[in-house]
Amino acid sequence: MRGRSWLIVGAVLAVVGAAAGIVAWPDPEPPSVDGRLRAELVPLIQTHLETKADLGGALDDQPELNSRWLCDLELIETEQRGPDLLAGIYTSCQEFARTGPSLLAGTGFRSPMRITVRSGAVTSVEEPVDGAGFQPTVSRMFTESGERRVFDFINSGGPFERDRLPERARRTFDLPANAPIRDHP
């Protein structure tokens, strides 16, 4: 009986030790992107989103406004898959138009995206599905640590300065820094 008791105690200690090891296991390293690669990708992706992506929007129905999309993005992670470079980003985009001495702000959004780049050009933009499929889609699009960073951004409002897009829109439309902005009805 004594030998059996020690065996049970040893088994219990092994289970407890393994559980403690699992709990104490360090989180995966946060994603990082080489500075040179970041300097190449951010403007490429930003230009694509602002000029070539079909983002849709409230101001699209009024082509006479000559509206423009402006985007700010945070490059979270990259992964090379054969000839494709996958870039996980979190972006804030909004459409603007000039109406006389003021700006008109249309549709805007913040979203994680996975961008595919091949031979220096964006070949696809993937957004997560809405509703119940959002979290599983983000899990598929990002690594575990990238996904955690996405949800940190979502919960905190993102890494973006509040007035950066409106300031850029005023400059883009050659308006003074204090030009008023009104929302599209």
Protein backbone atom coordinates (compact mmCIF):
# COMPACT_ATOMS: atom_id res chain seq x y z
CA MET A 1 0.00 0.00 0.00
CA ARG A 2 2.84 2.34 0.79
CA GLY A 3 4.37 2.03 -2.67
CA ARG A 4 1.00 2.62 -4.28
CA SER A 5 0.44 5.78 -2.18
CA TRP A 6 3.74 7.23 -3.32
CA LEU A 7 2.82 6.44 -6.90
CA ILE A 8 -0.49 8.31 -6.53
CA VAL A 9 1.22 11.28 -4.83
CA GLY A 10 3.83 11.35 -7.59
CA ALA A 11 1.14 11.27 -10.29
CA VAL A 12 -0.80 14.10 -8.59
CA LEU A 13 2.37 16.20 -8.31
CA ALA A 14 3.17 15.56 -11.98
CA VAL A 15 -0.32 16.69 -13.03
CA VAL A 16 -0.16 19.79 -10.81
CA GLY A 17 3.33 20.61 -12.08
CA ALA A 18 2.26 20.21 -15.70
CA ALA A 19 -0.79 22.42 -15.15
CA ALA A 20 1.35 25.07 -13.48
CA GLY A 21 3.76 24.91 -16.42
CA ILE A 22 0.92 25.44 -18.87
CA VAL A 23 -0.39 28.41 -16.91
CA ALA A 24 3.08 29.93 -16.58
CA TRP A 25 4.07 29.31 -20.21
CA PRO A 26 5.00 32.66 -21.74
CA ASP A 27 2.82 34.25 -24.40
CA PRO A 28 4.13 34.12 -27.94
CA GLU A 29 6.30 37.04 -28.92
CA PRO A 30 4.31 40.05 -30.08
CA PRO A 31 4.45 40.44 -33.84
CA SER A 32 7.10 42.73 -35.21
CA VAL A 33 7.90 44.00 -38.67
CA ASP A 34 11.31 44.98 -39.95
CA GLY A 35 11.56 48.79 -40.26
CA ARG A 36 12.64 48.69 -43.91
CA LEU A 37 9.75 46.41 -44.83
CA ARG A 38 7.35 48.63 -42.86
CA ALA A 39 8.61 51.70 -44.76
CA GLU A 40 7.87 49.94 -48.07
CA LEU A 41 4.54 48.35 -47.23
CA VAL A 42 2.66 51.08 -45.35
CA PRO A 43 2.59 53.61 -48.24
CA LEU A 44 1.91 50.86 -50.80
CA ILE A 45 -1.08 49.52 -48.84
CA GLN A 46 -2.33 52.99 -47.91
CA THR A 47 -2.28 54.13 -51.55
CA HIS A 48 -4.07 50.98 -52.65
CA LEU A 49 -6.82 51.38 -50.06
CA GLU A 50 -7.28 55.06 -50.88
CA THR A 51 -7.28 54.78 -54.66
CA LYS A 52 -7.92 51.23 -55.88
CA ALA A 53 -9.89 49.37 -53.23
CA ASP A 54 -13.65 49.37 -53.62
CA LEU A 55 -14.51 50.59 -50.14
CA GLY A 56 -17.97 51.84 -51.06
CA GLY A 57 -19.44 54.78 -49.21
CA ALA A 58 -22.22 57.26 -48.76
CA LEU A 59 -20.60 59.86 -51.01
CA ASP A 60 -20.25 57.46 -53.98
CA ASP A 61 -23.81 58.36 -55.00
CA GLN A 62 -22.70 61.94 -55.64
CA PRO A 63 -19.78 61.77 -58.11
CA GLU A 64 -19.88 65.55 -58.56
CA LEU A 65 -18.40 65.85 -55.03
CA ASN A 66 -15.14 64.18 -56.13
CA SER A 67 -14.88 62.46 -52.76
CA ARG A 68 -11.70 60.75 -51.64
CA TRP A 69 -10.99 57.98 -49.20
CA LEU A 70 -8.18 58.60 -46.72
CA CYS A 71 -6.75 55.82 -44.58
CA ASP A 72 -4.41 55.46 -41.66
CA LEU A 73 -3.05 52.01 -40.87
CA GLU A 74 -1.00 50.07 -38.40
CA LEU A 75 1.03 47.20 -39.86
CA ILE A 76 0.75 44.41 -37.29
CA GLU A 77 2.57 41.47 -38.88
CA THR A 78 3.83 40.01 -42.14
CA GLU A 79 4.33 36.48 -43.42
CA GLN A 80 5.99 35.30 -46.61
CA ARG A 81 4.04 32.52 -48.37
CA GLY A 82 5.77 31.57 -51.58
CA PRO A 83 5.66 34.57 -53.92
CA ASP A 84 3.04 36.31 -51.73
CA LEU A 85 3.69 38.55 -48.76
CA LEU A 86 0.74 38.60 -46.36
CA ALA A 87 0.39 41.75 -44.29
CA GLY A 88 -1.95 41.89 -41.29
CA ILE A 89 -3.10 45.45 -40.67
CA TYR A 90 -5.55 47.45 -38.59
CA THR A 91 -6.89 50.44 -40.51
CA SER A 92 -9.03 53.51 -40.07
CA CYS A 93 -10.54 54.88 -43.30
CA GLN A 94 -13.01 57.66 -44.04
CA GLU A 95 -14.29 59.37 -47.15
CA PHE A 96 -14.23 63.15 -47.48
CA ALA A 97 -15.33 65.74 -50.02
CA ARG A 98 -14.95 69.49 -50.23
CA THR A 99 -18.14 71.52 -50.23
CA GLY A 100 -17.25 75.18 -50.52
CA PRO A 101 -15.17 76.27 -47.53
CA SER A 102 -15.82 73.09 -45.53
CA LEU A 103 -15.36 69.33 -45.57
CA LEU A 104 -18.11 66.79 -45.83
CA ALA A 105 -17.33 63.53 -43.99
CA GLY A 106 -18.98 60.42 -45.37
CA THR A 107 -18.65 56.77 -44.48
CA GLY A 108 -15.84 55.71 -42.19
CA PHE A 109 -14.70 52.48 -40.58
CA ARG A 110 -11.99 50.79 -38.56
CA SER A 111 -11.15 47.19 -39.35
CA PRO A 112 -8.48 44.55 -39.38
CA MET A 113 -7.51 43.38 -42.86
CA ARG A 114 -5.14 40.94 -44.47
CA ILE A 115 -3.44 42.33 -47.55
CA THR A 116 -1.67 40.16 -50.11
CA VAL A 117 1.29 41.73 -51.92
CA ARG A 118 3.07 40.15 -54.88
CA SER A 119 5.88 41.74 -56.89
CA GLY A 120 5.39 45.12 -55.22
CA ALA A 121 1.63 45.34 -55.88
CA VAL A 122 -1.41 44.68 -53.71
CA THR A 123 -3.26 41.71 -55.21
CA SER A 124 -6.02 41.23 -52.63
CA VAL A 125 -7.65 42.78 -49.58
CA GLU A 126 -9.45 40.52 -47.12
CA GLU A 127 -11.77 41.84 -44.44
CA PRO A 128 -13.37 39.80 -41.66
CA VAL A 129 -17.03 38.92 -42.01
CA ASP A 130 -19.54 40.80 -39.86
CA GLY A 131 -21.49 39.39 -36.95
CA ALA A 132 -20.82 35.99 -35.41
CA GLY A 133 -18.16 35.19 -38.01
CA PHE A 134 -15.98 38.19 -37.12
CA GLN A 135 -13.82 36.61 -34.41
CA PRO A 136 -13.23 33.30 -36.26
CA THR A 137 -12.27 35.19 -39.42
CA VAL A 138 -9.80 37.38 -37.51
CA SER A 139 -8.37 34.21 -35.91
CA ARG A 140 -7.79 32.74 -39.38
CA MET A 141 -6.29 35.95 -40.79
CA PHE A 142 -3.75 36.62 -38.00
CA THR A 143 -1.32 34.73 -35.81
CA GLU A 144 -2.34 34.30 -32.18
CA SER A 145 -0.32 37.31 -31.05
CA GLY A 146 -1.49 39.35 -34.06
CA GLU A 147 -5.10 38.51 -33.23
CA ARG A 148 -4.54 39.62 -29.64
CA ARG A 149 -3.15 42.93 -30.92
CA VAL A 150 -6.17 43.41 -33.22
CA PHE A 151 -8.58 42.99 -30.31
CA ASP A 152 -6.45 45.31 -28.16
CA PHE A 153 -6.88 47.94 -30.91
CA ILE A 154 -10.62 47.27 -31.16
CA ASN A 155 -11.06 47.60 -27.40
CA SER A 156 -8.94 50.76 -27.14
CA GLY A 157 -10.18 52.55 -30.26
CA GLY A 158 -6.99 51.82 -32.18
CA PRO A 159 -3.56 53.36 -32.42
CA PHE A 160 -4.74 56.35 -34.43
CA GLU A 161 -4.60 59.97 -33.45
CA ARG A 162 -8.16 61.28 -33.35
CA ASP A 163 -7.73 64.25 -35.70
CA ARG A 164 -5.13 62.88 -38.13
CA LEU A 165 -7.52 61.97 -40.98
CA PRO A 166 -9.51 65.25 -40.80
CA GLU A 167 -6.24 67.24 -40.75
CA ARG A 168 -4.99 65.30 -43.75
CA ALA A 169 -8.35 65.78 -45.52
CA ARG A 170 -8.12 69.56 -45.06
CA ARG A 171 -4.64 69.56 -46.60
CA THR A 172 -5.75 67.21 -49.42
CA PHE A 173 -8.63 69.52 -50.36
CA ASP A 174 -6.52 72.68 -49.86
CA LEU A 175 -8.58 73.99 -46.95
CA PRO A 176 -7.38 75.91 -43.90
CA ALA A 177 -6.57 73.94 -40.74
CA ASN A 178 -9.72 75.25 -39.04
CA ALA A 179 -12.13 74.49 -41.91
CA PRO A 180 -15.35 73.06 -40.49
CA ILE A 181 -16.32 69.43 -41.06
CA ARG A 182 -19.91 68.33 -41.29
CA ASP A 183 -21.18 64.77 -41.45
CA HIS A 184 -23.03 63.47 -44.48
CA PRO A 185 -26.76 63.31 -43.67
